[in-house]
């Protein structure tokens, strides 16, 4: 077997071909940890995980914090690699320079690339990827593809033609079909902001816009929902966003990750932890508005659960770390049905009957 494998490896015309056990594309994959533990859970199923190379989508209606979640990833990436840069494709101009500076992102490390149509972006993206080598630290952001026109749509408008554009979905599919292998092979994370639309029916479902191409290419797809936060005087103070895991290669699909954002403080880095710790039993609520850590006699007000001191011992607890992984992480072993010989025989017998 080894001699045949060596012969195949010697004869291949693909430069990057290698024995799977030694493949750098699977064995040395990068992981970018964000400062928000539950965001890491959404991305990887682990508190100490994070963003990996490949395509990640944040989808949802307008004003659902999609761009801000994206910039959180950019900040984490640039912090980890001091020589890293961001390639920012801008189609909506909805992220002014102030957004970047509010996240502490050095705008001198961001290449702002305005885009008018899909074909222009496809050409520039492939040109840029061709010039990037594995080891170059680049994170790519597209904000957004939801309203990005095709060149045919633009040309028809200039000609005064009202013909329906049937090329947009094909062009988007072509774009991501070409981009996807480069992202993994060159260890590049790409984050795309996108829109959704609601399908018709009694129970309408949110559908990721842009056709099946981008859906098939994505490693992670989050559909963002939200609920208002209100003070005692009924004033809106922020939003509780829910990251609905529509697709993931690492996290159980249909998982719901809560992330809290306030007008005064921005993203609460401890948000979502209280909800899951109550479920796991590592935190209890002896009475309304008060919380207690497992093994701790002290009661804490809700405001105190938004502090590092409250969460430090829980995040270091191996049982809590394991509970998070067991609840959210997509285990490889779970992809294989575990049947005994007797169960397999029964399956075939029942099928014959």
Protein backbone atom coordinates (compact mmCIF):
# COMPACT_ATOMS: atom_id res chain seq x y z
CA UNK A 1 0.00 0.00 0.00
CA UNK A 2 2.79 2.42 0.94
CA UNK A 3 4.61 1.86 -2.34
CA UNK A 4 1.45 2.55 -4.36
CA UNK A 5 0.75 5.69 -2.33
CA UNK A 6 4.30 6.91 -2.81
CA UNK A 7 4.02 6.26 -6.54
CA UNK A 8 0.79 8.29 -6.72
CA UNK A 9 2.40 11.10 -4.75
CA UNK A 10 5.42 11.10 -7.05
CA UNK A 11 3.34 11.13 -10.24
CA UNK A 12 0.77 13.78 -9.26
CA UNK A 13 0.79 17.02 -11.20
CA UNK A 14 -0.78 18.91 -8.27
CA UNK A 15 1.93 20.77 -6.36
CA UNK A 16 0.12 20.77 -3.01
CA UNK A 17 -0.79 17.04 -3.02
CA UNK A 18 0.34 15.25 0.13
CA UNK A 19 -0.47 12.26 2.33
CA UNK A 20 -3.65 13.17 4.21
CA UNK A 21 -2.06 12.41 7.60
CA UNK A 22 0.62 15.01 6.78
CA UNK A 23 -1.62 17.57 5.06
CA UNK A 24 -0.95 21.13 6.20
CA UNK A 25 -4.47 22.09 5.14
CA UNK A 26 -6.02 20.02 7.92
CA UNK A 27 -3.29 19.58 10.51
CA UNK A 28 -2.14 23.19 10.92
CA UNK A 29 -5.34 25.17 10.45
CA UNK A 30 -5.32 28.64 11.98
CA UNK A 31 -7.84 29.67 14.65
CA UNK A 32 -8.51 33.27 15.66
CA UNK A 33 -9.91 33.64 19.17
CA UNK A 34 -12.16 36.65 19.78
CA UNK A 35 -12.55 38.36 23.18
CA UNK A 36 -16.22 37.24 23.33
CA UNK A 37 -16.38 33.61 24.58
CA UNK A 38 -19.84 32.86 23.15
CA UNK A 39 -18.79 34.21 19.75
CA UNK A 40 -15.98 31.64 19.85
CA UNK A 41 -18.59 29.00 20.63
CA UNK A 42 -20.67 30.11 17.64
CA UNK A 43 -17.61 29.88 15.36
CA UNK A 44 -16.09 26.65 16.63
CA UNK A 45 -18.20 25.05 19.36
CA UNK A 46 -15.51 25.83 21.93
CA UNK A 47 -14.87 28.63 24.42
CA UNK A 48 -11.19 28.71 23.43
CA UNK A 49 -11.92 28.36 19.70
CA UNK A 50 -12.64 31.04 17.16
CA UNK A 51 -12.58 32.01 13.50
CA UNK A 52 -10.96 29.59 11.05
CA UNK A 53 -9.90 30.00 7.40
CA UNK A 54 -12.74 29.72 4.92
CA UNK A 55 -15.99 31.51 4.22
CA UNK A 56 -18.17 32.87 7.04
CA UNK A 57 -21.49 34.67 6.43
CA UNK A 58 -23.43 37.01 8.70
CA UNK A 59 -26.93 37.32 7.23
CA UNK A 60 -29.95 39.28 8.34
CA UNK A 61 -32.11 42.37 7.84
CA UNK A 62 -30.76 45.89 8.05
CA UNK A 63 -29.62 47.20 11.46
CA UNK A 64 -28.80 43.75 12.81
CA UNK A 65 -25.18 44.50 13.76
CA UNK A 66 -23.78 42.29 10.98
CA UNK A 67 -20.97 44.69 10.07
CA UNK A 68 -20.01 45.12 13.72
CA UNK A 69 -19.73 41.36 14.24
CA UNK A 70 -17.50 41.27 11.18
CA UNK A 71 -15.25 44.02 12.51
CA UNK A 72 -14.95 42.12 15.79
CA UNK A 73 -13.35 39.28 13.77
CA UNK A 74 -11.07 41.70 11.93
CA UNK A 75 -9.87 43.23 15.21
CA UNK A 76 -9.10 39.79 16.66
CA UNK A 77 -7.17 38.79 13.52
CA UNK A 78 -5.10 41.98 13.38
CA UNK A 79 -4.36 41.71 17.10
CA UNK A 80 -3.07 38.15 16.74
CA UNK A 81 -0.82 38.95 13.78
CA UNK A 82 0.96 42.28 13.96
CA UNK A 83 1.85 42.12 10.24
CA UNK A 84 -1.71 41.20 9.17
CA UNK A 85 -3.89 43.35 6.91
CA UNK A 86 -7.56 43.48 5.98
CA UNK A 87 -8.79 43.51 2.40
CA UNK A 88 -12.14 45.29 2.68
CA UNK A 89 -14.54 45.16 -0.27
CA UNK A 90 -17.15 47.88 0.18
CA UNK A 91 -20.38 47.83 -1.82
CA UNK A 92 -22.77 49.70 0.49
CA UNK A 93 -20.50 52.21 2.25
CA UNK A 94 -22.32 51.35 5.46
CA UNK A 95 -19.11 51.06 7.51
CA UNK A 96 -17.48 54.49 7.76
CA UNK A 97 -14.00 54.93 9.19
CA UNK A 98 -15.49 55.61 12.61
CA UNK A 99 -16.74 52.02 12.78
CA UNK A 100 -13.20 50.74 12.41
CA UNK A 101 -11.70 53.12 14.95
CA UNK A 102 -14.45 52.32 17.47
CA UNK A 103 -13.22 48.70 17.41
CA UNK A 104 -9.62 49.83 17.76
CA UNK A 105 -8.71 48.81 14.20
CA UNK A 106 -5.76 50.64 12.67
CA UNK A 107 -7.20 51.92 9.37
CA UNK A 108 -3.67 52.07 7.91
CA UNK A 109 -3.81 48.26 7.88
CA UNK A 110 -7.05 48.15 5.86
CA UNK A 111 -7.17 48.28 2.06
CA UNK A 112 -10.54 49.87 1.26
CA UNK A 113 -11.73 48.64 -2.15
CA UNK A 114 -15.00 50.14 -3.44
CA UNK A 115 -16.92 47.73 -5.70
CA UNK A 116 -19.75 48.49 -8.13
CA UNK A 117 -20.63 45.05 -9.52
CA UNK A 118 -20.02 41.33 -9.00
CA UNK A 119 -17.76 40.93 -12.04
CA UNK A 120 -15.47 43.70 -10.83
CA UNK A 121 -15.18 42.05 -7.44
CA UNK A 122 -14.60 38.61 -8.98
CA UNK A 123 -11.73 39.91 -11.10
CA UNK A 124 -10.08 41.84 -8.25
CA UNK A 125 -10.52 39.07 -5.67
CA UNK A 126 -8.95 36.43 -7.90
CA UNK A 127 -6.10 38.80 -8.82
CA UNK A 128 -5.43 39.46 -5.13
CA UNK A 129 -5.64 35.77 -4.16
CA UNK A 130 -3.23 34.84 -6.94
CA UNK A 131 -0.67 37.20 -5.42
CA UNK A 132 -1.14 35.93 -1.85
CA UNK A 133 1.00 33.06 -0.58
CA UNK A 134 0.29 30.75 2.34
CA UNK A 135 1.83 32.50 5.32
CA UNK A 136 0.71 35.98 4.24
CA UNK A 137 -1.66 37.20 6.93
CA UNK A 138 -4.75 38.58 5.19
CA UNK A 139 -8.40 38.66 6.23
CA UNK A 140 -10.98 39.45 3.54
CA UNK A 141 -14.28 41.23 4.26
CA UNK A 142 -17.18 41.92 1.89
CA UNK A 143 -19.85 44.37 3.06
CA UNK A 144 -22.06 43.33 1.51
CA UNK A 145 -23.16 41.09 -1.35
CA UNK A 146 -26.85 41.57 -0.61
CA UNK A 147 -27.33 44.60 -2.88
CA UNK A 148 -24.38 44.08 -5.21
CA UNK A 149 -25.48 44.31 -8.85
CA UNK A 150 -24.28 42.24 -11.78
CA UNK A 151 -22.67 43.96 -14.75
CA UNK A 152 -25.59 42.98 -16.95
CA UNK A 153 -28.01 44.69 -14.60
CA UNK A 154 -25.93 47.87 -14.77
CA UNK A 155 -25.61 47.69 -18.58
CA UNK A 156 -29.36 47.12 -18.98
CA UNK A 157 -30.11 50.13 -16.80
CA UNK A 158 -27.77 52.31 -18.88
CA UNK A 159 -29.52 51.13 -22.07
CA UNK A 160 -32.96 51.75 -20.57
CA UNK A 161 -33.80 48.05 -20.76
CA UNK A 162 -36.22 46.64 -18.20
CA UNK A 163 -35.28 43.00 -18.86
CA UNK A 164 -34.97 40.80 -15.80
CA UNK A 165 -31.39 39.96 -14.85
CA UNK A 166 -30.91 36.18 -14.84
CA UNK A 167 -27.12 36.29 -14.47
CA UNK A 168 -26.64 37.58 -10.91
CA UNK A 169 -26.96 34.23 -9.09
CA UNK A 170 -24.67 32.58 -11.65
CA UNK A 171 -22.01 35.26 -11.21
CA UNK A 172 -22.15 34.97 -7.42
CA UNK A 173 -21.90 31.20 -7.66
CA UNK A 174 -18.92 31.57 -9.98
CA UNK A 175 -17.23 34.01 -7.60
CA UNK A 176 -17.41 31.79 -4.55
CA UNK A 177 -16.72 28.62 -6.50
CA UNK A 178 -13.36 30.11 -7.52
CA UNK A 179 -12.56 31.74 -4.18
CA UNK A 180 -13.32 28.82 -1.82
CA UNK A 181 -10.28 26.55 -2.44
CA UNK A 182 -7.87 29.49 -2.18
CA UNK A 183 -9.17 30.41 1.27
CA UNK A 184 -8.32 27.03 2.77
CA UNK A 185 -5.13 26.45 0.81
CA UNK A 186 -3.76 29.89 1.73
CA UNK A 187 -5.15 29.96 5.28
CA UNK A 188 -7.34 33.02 4.71
CA UNK A 189 -10.58 33.83 6.55
CA UNK A 190 -13.22 35.60 4.45
CA UNK A 191 -16.25 37.19 6.11
CA UNK A 192 -19.22 38.24 4.02
CA UNK A 193 -22.23 40.29 5.09
CA UNK A 194 -25.42 39.25 3.32
CA UNK A 195 -29.16 39.82 3.36
CA UNK A 196 -32.05 37.41 3.81
CA UNK A 197 -35.57 37.19 2.46
CA UNK A 198 -38.58 35.38 3.85
CA UNK A 199 -40.08 32.54 1.85
CA UNK A 200 -43.83 32.50 1.29
CA UNK A 201 -45.99 30.24 3.41
CA UNK A 202 -47.83 29.88 6.68
CA UNK A 203 -44.56 29.60 8.60
CA UNK A 204 -42.10 31.69 6.55
CA UNK A 205 -38.44 30.72 6.80
CA UNK A 206 -35.47 33.06 6.44
CA UNK A 207 -33.56 32.33 3.22
CA UNK A 208 -29.98 33.45 2.55
CA UNK A 209 -30.01 35.65 -0.56
CA UNK A 210 -27.68 35.14 -3.51
CA UNK A 211 -28.60 31.63 -4.60
CA UNK A 212 -27.22 28.23 -3.69
CA UNK A 213 -23.61 28.93 -4.71
CA UNK A 214 -22.66 30.97 -1.67
CA UNK A 215 -24.60 28.63 0.62
CA UNK A 216 -22.70 25.60 -0.63
CA UNK A 217 -19.32 27.34 -0.37
CA UNK A 218 -19.74 28.69 3.16
CA UNK A 219 -18.18 27.06 6.21
CA UNK A 220 -20.34 29.09 8.61
CA UNK A 221 -23.67 30.82 8.03
CA UNK A 222 -25.28 32.84 10.81
CA UNK A 223 -28.75 34.31 10.46
CA UNK A 224 -28.94 37.18 12.94
CA UNK A 225 -32.12 37.90 14.89
CA UNK A 226 -32.68 40.49 17.59
CA UNK A 227 -34.81 41.55 20.54
CA UNK A 228 -34.95 45.00 22.09
CA UNK A 229 -33.50 45.75 25.52
CA UNK A 230 -35.61 48.20 27.50
CA UNK A 231 -35.00 50.09 30.72
CA UNK A 232 -37.62 50.49 33.46
CA UNK A 233 -38.87 53.67 31.76
CA UNK A 234 -39.44 51.65 28.55
CA UNK A 235 -36.51 53.33 26.79
CA UNK A 236 -34.61 51.09 24.35
CA UNK A 237 -31.07 50.62 25.72
CA UNK A 238 -29.76 48.08 23.22
CA UNK A 239 -30.47 44.72 21.64
CA UNK A 240 -30.14 41.05 22.40
CA UNK A 241 -28.92 39.53 19.14
CA UNK A 242 -29.30 35.84 18.43
CA UNK A 243 -26.82 34.11 16.12
CA UNK A 244 -28.83 31.30 14.58
CA UNK A 245 -26.42 28.69 13.24
CA UNK A 246 -27.85 27.98 9.78
CA UNK A 247 -24.79 26.07 8.59
CA UNK A 248 -21.51 25.11 10.21
CA UNK A 249 -18.71 22.62 9.78
CA UNK A 250 -17.90 22.87 13.50
CA UNK A 251 -21.11 23.65 15.44
CA UNK A 252 -24.41 21.84 15.64
CA UNK A 253 -26.80 23.48 13.22
CA UNK A 254 -29.86 25.29 14.61
CA UNK A 255 -27.90 26.25 17.72
CA UNK A 256 -28.80 29.71 19.03
CA UNK A 257 -26.04 31.90 20.46
CA UNK A 258 -27.13 35.06 22.34
CA UNK A 259 -24.93 38.17 22.08
CA UNK A 260 -25.90 41.32 23.98
CA UNK A 261 -25.17 44.80 22.64
CA UNK A 262 -25.94 48.04 24.47
CA UNK A 263 -25.91 51.60 23.17
CA UNK A 264 -23.60 52.66 25.98
CA UNK A 265 -21.14 49.76 26.08
CA UNK A 266 -21.25 48.03 22.69
CA UNK A 267 -20.79 44.25 22.58
CA UNK A 268 -20.90 42.74 26.07
CA UNK A 269 -18.02 40.25 26.03
CA UNK A 270 -19.72 38.14 28.73
CA UNK A 271 -23.09 38.04 26.99
CA UNK A 272 -24.72 34.67 26.45
CA UNK A 273 -22.72 33.00 29.20
CA UNK A 274 -25.38 33.48 31.88
CA UNK A 275 -28.02 31.78 29.74
CA UNK A 276 -25.88 28.71 29.08
CA UNK A 277 -24.48 28.54 32.63
CA UNK A 278 -28.04 28.44 33.97
CA UNK A 279 -28.78 25.56 31.62
CA UNK A 280 -25.61 23.70 32.60
CA UNK A 281 -26.23 24.22 36.31
CA UNK A 282 -22.97 26.08 36.92
CA UNK A 283 -25.08 29.11 37.86
CA UNK A 284 -28.43 29.06 39.66
CA UNK A 285 -31.04 31.75 40.31
CA UNK A 286 -32.18 31.38 43.94
CA UNK A 287 -34.51 34.36 43.55
CA UNK A 288 -35.46 36.82 40.83
CA UNK A 289 -32.63 39.13 39.89
CA UNK A 290 -30.03 37.22 41.93
CA UNK A 291 -27.56 34.54 40.83
CA UNK A 292 -25.22 32.10 42.51
CA UNK A 293 -22.20 30.23 41.15
CA UNK A 294 -21.89 26.52 41.80
CA UNK A 295 -19.96 26.02 45.05
CA UNK A 296 -20.19 29.72 45.97
CA UNK A 297 -22.45 30.87 48.82
CA UNK A 298 -22.52 34.51 47.69
CA UNK A 299 -25.49 35.88 45.73
CA UNK A 300 -24.77 38.21 42.81
CA UNK A 301 -26.98 40.81 41.17
CA UNK A 302 -27.42 40.54 37.40
CA UNK A 303 -25.13 43.54 36.81
CA UNK A 304 -22.30 41.66 38.57
CA UNK A 305 -22.61 38.78 36.09
CA UNK A 306 -21.26 41.09 33.39
CA UNK A 307 -17.81 41.20 34.96
CA UNK A 308 -14.64 39.16 34.52
CA UNK A 309 -14.46 38.37 38.24
CA UNK A 310 -17.76 36.49 38.09
CA UNK A 311 -16.87 34.38 35.04
CA UNK A 312 -13.17 33.68 35.58
CA UNK A 313 -13.63 30.57 37.80
CA UNK A 314 -16.49 29.23 35.64
CA UNK A 315 -14.56 29.59 32.38
CA UNK A 316 -11.67 27.70 33.99
CA UNK A 317 -13.94 24.89 35.21
CA UNK A 318 -13.27 21.73 33.13
CA UNK A 319 -16.86 20.55 33.61
CA UNK A 320 -18.22 23.79 32.10
CA UNK A 321 -15.75 23.63 29.20
CA UNK A 322 -16.83 20.04 28.53
CA UNK A 323 -20.53 20.93 28.78
CA UNK A 324 -20.09 23.66 26.15
CA UNK A 325 -18.26 21.28 23.79
CA UNK A 326 -20.81 18.50 24.30
CA UNK A 327 -23.70 20.91 23.70
CA UNK A 328 -22.44 22.89 20.72
CA UNK A 329 -19.47 21.23 19.02
CA UNK A 330 -20.14 19.03 16.02
CA UNK A 331 -18.29 15.85 16.89
CA UNK A 332 -16.75 13.86 14.06
CA UNK A 333 -17.86 10.63 15.73
CA UNK A 334 -21.47 11.84 15.62
CA UNK A 335 -21.30 11.83 11.82
CA UNK A 336 -21.01 8.04 11.79
CA UNK A 337 -23.90 5.84 12.90
CA UNK A 338 -22.75 3.61 15.72
CA UNK A 339 -24.50 0.29 15.02
CA UNK A 340 -23.67 -3.05 16.60
CA UNK A 341 -23.76 -6.17 14.44
CA UNK A 342 -27.12 -7.15 15.97
CA UNK A 343 -28.56 -3.68 15.25
CA UNK A 344 -27.36 -3.78 11.64
CA UNK A 345 -28.93 -7.21 11.17
CA UNK A 346 -32.21 -5.94 12.69
CA UNK A 347 -32.19 -2.90 10.34
CA UNK A 348 -31.93 -5.19 7.30
CA UNK A 349 -34.53 -7.61 8.68
CA UNK A 350 -37.02 -4.78 9.31
CA UNK A 351 -36.37 -3.40 5.82
CA UNK A 352 -37.10 -6.76 4.22
CA UNK A 353 -40.32 -7.13 6.19
